[in-house]
Structures are given as structure tokens and as C-alpha cells.
């Protein structure tokens, strides 16, 4: 299986949805992703990749296998703290703990 499809599957797992549900939400034929997974289709169109990236709020580059870089993390810090570029490690760790708490709470309410 290719890296792009693995990333799509992982994002679906994180969001607790099936690939079929993703396809419905994005208006994509499930057969296109099945063919892509099985290697019968070598790539996805820019339009499909864009729809999937938008759905998950990730970049197309990420879907294509680009690693998450420290620059991405720094951009996230700046966005979360309203443009403040002086985010300490302690502040960032607290945000990550809170995010984990929210995720646990959501998963506990199933």
C-alpha cells in the first residue's frame, strides 16, 4: 500500500470514520480510493486530494507523504497563541495535555 493511502486511512482512524464515510462526505467515489489502494490507479487527482485534505484540515503535501516538520509545529503554536511567537515548551506541553484530555473525554463518551 502506498504512503498516501496509509495517511488517509490513519486520518480516518483518528477521526473515527470509515473510508467509505470519508468518500461520502467529500463526494468522492469509493471505487476511486479502492483502485488507488489496490494499485489499479497510480495516483489521485489534485481535486480529490484537495477535497480529502480540506476535510481533514491537512495539506495535500502531508497526504502525499511529506513529514510534519518543526516549522509546521511552530506555525501551529503561533496560530494557537494568537500570533505570540514566544511560546514556551511548558505552554506547548500544556496544550498537548489538554488536547489529550479532550480526546480521552470524547472517546470515553462513546
C-alpha atoms as a PDB file:
ATOM      1  CA  UNK A   1       0.000   0.000   0.000  1.00  0.00           C
ATOM      2  CA  UNK A   2       1.280   3.489  -0.738  1.00  0.00           C
ATOM      3  CA  UNK A   3       2.048   6.255   1.740  1.00  0.00           C
ATOM      4  CA  UNK A   4      -0.822   8.477   0.612  1.00  0.00           C
ATOM      5  CA  UNK A   5      -3.447   5.808   1.188  1.00  0.00           C
ATOM      6  CA  UNK A   6      -1.867   4.935   4.549  1.00  0.00           C
ATOM      7  CA  UNK A   7      -2.124   8.581   5.595  1.00  0.00           C
ATOM      8  CA  UNK A   8      -5.779   8.725   4.512  1.00  0.00           C
ATOM      9  CA  UNK A   9      -6.559   5.559   6.487  1.00  0.00           C
ATOM     10  CA  UNK A  10      -4.736   6.896   9.552  1.00  0.00           C
ATOM     11  CA  UNK A  11      -6.624  10.191   9.388  1.00  0.00           C
ATOM     12  CA  UNK A  12      -9.902   8.252   9.146  1.00  0.00           C
ATOM     13  CA  UNK A  13      -8.946   6.231  12.224  1.00  0.00           C
ATOM     14  CA  UNK A  14      -8.069   9.408  14.123  1.00  0.00           C
ATOM     15  CA  UNK A  15     -11.447  10.898  13.213  1.00  0.00           C
ATOM     16  CA  UNK A  16     -13.175   7.565  13.908  1.00  0.00           C
ATOM     17  CA  UNK A  17     -14.785   7.320  10.487  1.00  0.00           C
ATOM     18  CA  UNK A  18     -14.586   4.769   7.703  1.00  0.00           C
ATOM     19  CA  UNK A  19     -13.013   5.444   4.332  1.00  0.00           C
ATOM     20  CA  UNK A  20     -16.499   4.987   2.880  1.00  0.00           C
ATOM     21  CA  UNK A  21     -17.840   7.751   5.154  1.00  0.00           C
ATOM     22  CA  UNK A  22     -14.960   9.985   4.068  1.00  0.00           C
ATOM     23  CA  UNK A  23     -15.837   9.390   0.424  1.00  0.00           C
ATOM     24  CA  UNK A  24     -19.491  10.260   1.043  1.00  0.00           C
ATOM     25  CA  UNK A  25     -18.573  13.420   2.939  1.00  0.00           C
ATOM     26  CA  UNK A  26     -16.205  14.535   0.171  1.00  0.00           C
ATOM     27  CA  UNK A  27     -18.332  13.465  -2.776  1.00  0.00           C
ATOM     28  CA  UNK A  28     -15.690  11.001  -3.962  1.00  0.00           C
ATOM     29  CA  UNK A  29     -16.386   7.614  -5.496  1.00  0.00           C
ATOM     30  CA  UNK A  30     -15.367   4.833  -3.098  1.00  0.00           C
ATOM     31  CA  UNK A  31     -14.156   2.866  -6.133  1.00  0.00           C
ATOM     32  CA  UNK A  32     -11.502   5.519  -6.845  1.00  0.00           C
ATOM     33  CA  UNK A  33      -9.912   5.022  -3.412  1.00  0.00           C
ATOM     34  CA  UNK A  34     -10.245   1.241  -3.649  1.00  0.00           C
ATOM     35  CA  UNK A  35      -8.491   1.251  -7.019  1.00  0.00           C
ATOM     36  CA  UNK A  36      -5.819   3.530  -5.574  1.00  0.00           C
ATOM     37  CA  UNK A  37      -5.325   1.247  -2.573  1.00  0.00           C
ATOM     38  CA  UNK A  38      -5.052  -1.832  -4.777  1.00  0.00           C
ATOM     39  CA  UNK A  39      -2.624  -0.172  -7.187  1.00  0.00           C
ATOM     40  CA  UNK A  40      -5.007  -0.239 -10.143  1.00  0.00           C
ATOM     41  CA  UNK A  41      -4.868   3.561 -10.088  1.00  0.00           C
ATOM     42  CA  UNK A  42      -1.406   5.054  -9.618  1.00  0.00           C
ATOM     43  CA  UNK A  43      -2.395   8.483  -8.295  1.00  0.00           C
ATOM     44  CA  UNK A  44      -5.289  10.619  -7.189  1.00  0.00           C
ATOM     45  CA  UNK A  45      -6.286  13.808  -8.951  1.00  0.00           C
ATOM     46  CA  UNK A  46      -5.451  17.163  -7.430  1.00  0.00           C
ATOM     47  CA  UNK A  47      -9.179  17.753  -6.952  1.00  0.00           C
ATOM     48  CA  UNK A  48      -9.637  14.557  -4.925  1.00  0.00           C
ATOM     49  CA  UNK A  49      -6.515  15.169  -2.869  1.00  0.00           C
ATOM     50  CA  UNK A  50      -7.678  18.722  -2.188  1.00  0.00           C
ATOM     51  CA  UNK A  51     -11.120  17.554  -1.027  1.00  0.00           C
ATOM     52  CA  UNK A  52      -9.585  14.998   1.337  1.00  0.00           C
ATOM     53  CA  UNK A  53      -7.006  17.477   2.648  1.00  0.00           C
ATOM     54  CA  UNK A  54      -9.723  20.070   3.273  1.00  0.00           C
ATOM     55  CA  UNK A  55     -11.887  17.518   5.069  1.00  0.00           C
ATOM     56  CA  UNK A  56      -9.083  16.641   7.481  1.00  0.00           C
ATOM     57  CA  UNK A  57      -7.577  20.153   7.640  1.00  0.00           C
ATOM     58  CA  UNK A  58      -4.191  18.937   6.448  1.00  0.00           C
ATOM     59  CA  UNK A  59      -2.080  19.900   3.465  1.00  0.00           C
ATOM     60  CA  UNK A  60      -2.011  17.982   0.212  1.00  0.00           C
ATOM     61  CA  UNK A  61       1.741  17.689   0.793  1.00  0.00           C
ATOM     62  CA  UNK A  62       1.019  15.852   4.031  1.00  0.00           C
ATOM     63  CA  UNK A  63      -1.300  13.427   2.216  1.00  0.00           C
ATOM     64  CA  UNK A  64       1.428  12.838  -0.351  1.00  0.00           C
ATOM     65  CA  UNK A  65       3.826  11.751   2.384  1.00  0.00           C
ATOM     66  CA  UNK A  66       5.644  14.906   3.408  1.00  0.00           C
ATOM     67  CA  UNK A  67       6.769  14.702   7.020  1.00  0.00           C
ATOM     68  CA  UNK A  68       5.416  17.015   9.680  1.00  0.00           C
ATOM     69  CA  UNK A  69       8.230  19.463  10.204  1.00  0.00           C
ATOM     70  CA  UNK A  70       9.217  21.624  13.162  1.00  0.00           C
ATOM     71  CA  UNK A  71       8.177  24.606  11.020  1.00  0.00           C
ATOM     72  CA  UNK A  72       4.646  23.149  10.912  1.00  0.00           C
ATOM     73  CA  UNK A  73       4.657  22.839  14.688  1.00  0.00           C
ATOM     74  CA  UNK A  74       5.897  26.413  15.067  1.00  0.00           C
ATOM     75  CA  UNK A  75       3.117  27.663  12.772  1.00  0.00           C
ATOM     76  CA  UNK A  76       0.586  25.780  14.879  1.00  0.00           C
ATOM     77  CA  UNK A  77       1.968  27.308  18.071  1.00  0.00           C
ATOM     78  CA  UNK A  78       1.725  30.813  16.613  1.00  0.00           C
ATOM     79  CA  UNK A  79      -1.843  30.179  15.428  1.00  0.00           C
ATOM     80  CA  UNK A  80      -2.989  28.731  18.752  1.00  0.00           C
ATOM     81  CA  UNK A  81      -1.472  31.539  20.772  1.00  0.00           C
ATOM     82  CA  UNK A  82      -2.845  34.394  18.690  1.00  0.00           C
ATOM     83  CA  UNK A  83       0.366  35.306  16.924  1.00  0.00           C
ATOM     84  CA  UNK A  84       2.577  35.120  20.015  1.00  0.00           C
ATOM     85  CA  UNK A  85       5.901  33.700  18.859  1.00  0.00           C
ATOM     86  CA  UNK A  86       7.265  33.283  22.395  1.00  0.00           C
ATOM     87  CA  UNK A  87       5.541  30.016  23.274  1.00  0.00           C
ATOM     88  CA  UNK A  88       7.493  28.141  25.917  1.00  0.00           C
ATOM     89  CA  UNK A  89       7.893  24.368  25.988  1.00  0.00           C
ATOM     90  CA  UNK A  90       5.767  24.334  29.152  1.00  0.00           C
ATOM     91  CA  UNK A  91       2.955  26.215  27.420  1.00  0.00           C
ATOM     92  CA  UNK A  92       3.101  23.863  24.436  1.00  0.00           C
ATOM     93  CA  UNK A  93       3.131  20.773  26.689  1.00  0.00           C
ATOM     94  CA  UNK A  94       0.037  22.087  28.463  1.00  0.00           C
ATOM     95  CA  UNK A  95      -1.777  22.488  25.141  1.00  0.00           C
ATOM     96  CA  UNK A  96      -0.870  18.906  24.191  1.00  0.00           C
ATOM     97  CA  UNK A  97      -2.069  17.598  27.582  1.00  0.00           C
ATOM     98  CA  UNK A  98      -5.344  19.451  27.163  1.00  0.00           C
ATOM     99  CA  UNK A  99      -5.788  18.054  23.654  1.00  0.00           C
ATOM    100  CA  UNK A 100      -5.163  14.532  25.007  1.00  0.00           C
ATOM    101  CA  UNK A 101      -7.733  15.183  27.765  1.00  0.00           C
ATOM    102  CA  UNK A 102     -10.344  16.293  25.232  1.00  0.00           C
ATOM    103  CA  UNK A 103      -9.638  13.235  23.075  1.00  0.00           C
ATOM    104  CA  UNK A 104      -9.957  10.911  26.085  1.00  0.00           C
ATOM    105  CA  UNK A 105     -13.190  12.598  27.133  1.00  0.00           C
ATOM    106  CA  UNK A 106     -14.615  12.229  23.627  1.00  0.00           C
ATOM    107  CA  UNK A 107     -13.559   8.581  23.373  1.00  0.00           C
ATOM    108  CA  UNK A 108     -14.986   7.890  26.828  1.00  0.00           C
ATOM    109  CA  UNK A 109     -18.401   9.205  25.811  1.00  0.00           C
ATOM    110  CA  UNK A 110     -18.979   6.640  23.087  1.00  0.00           C
END
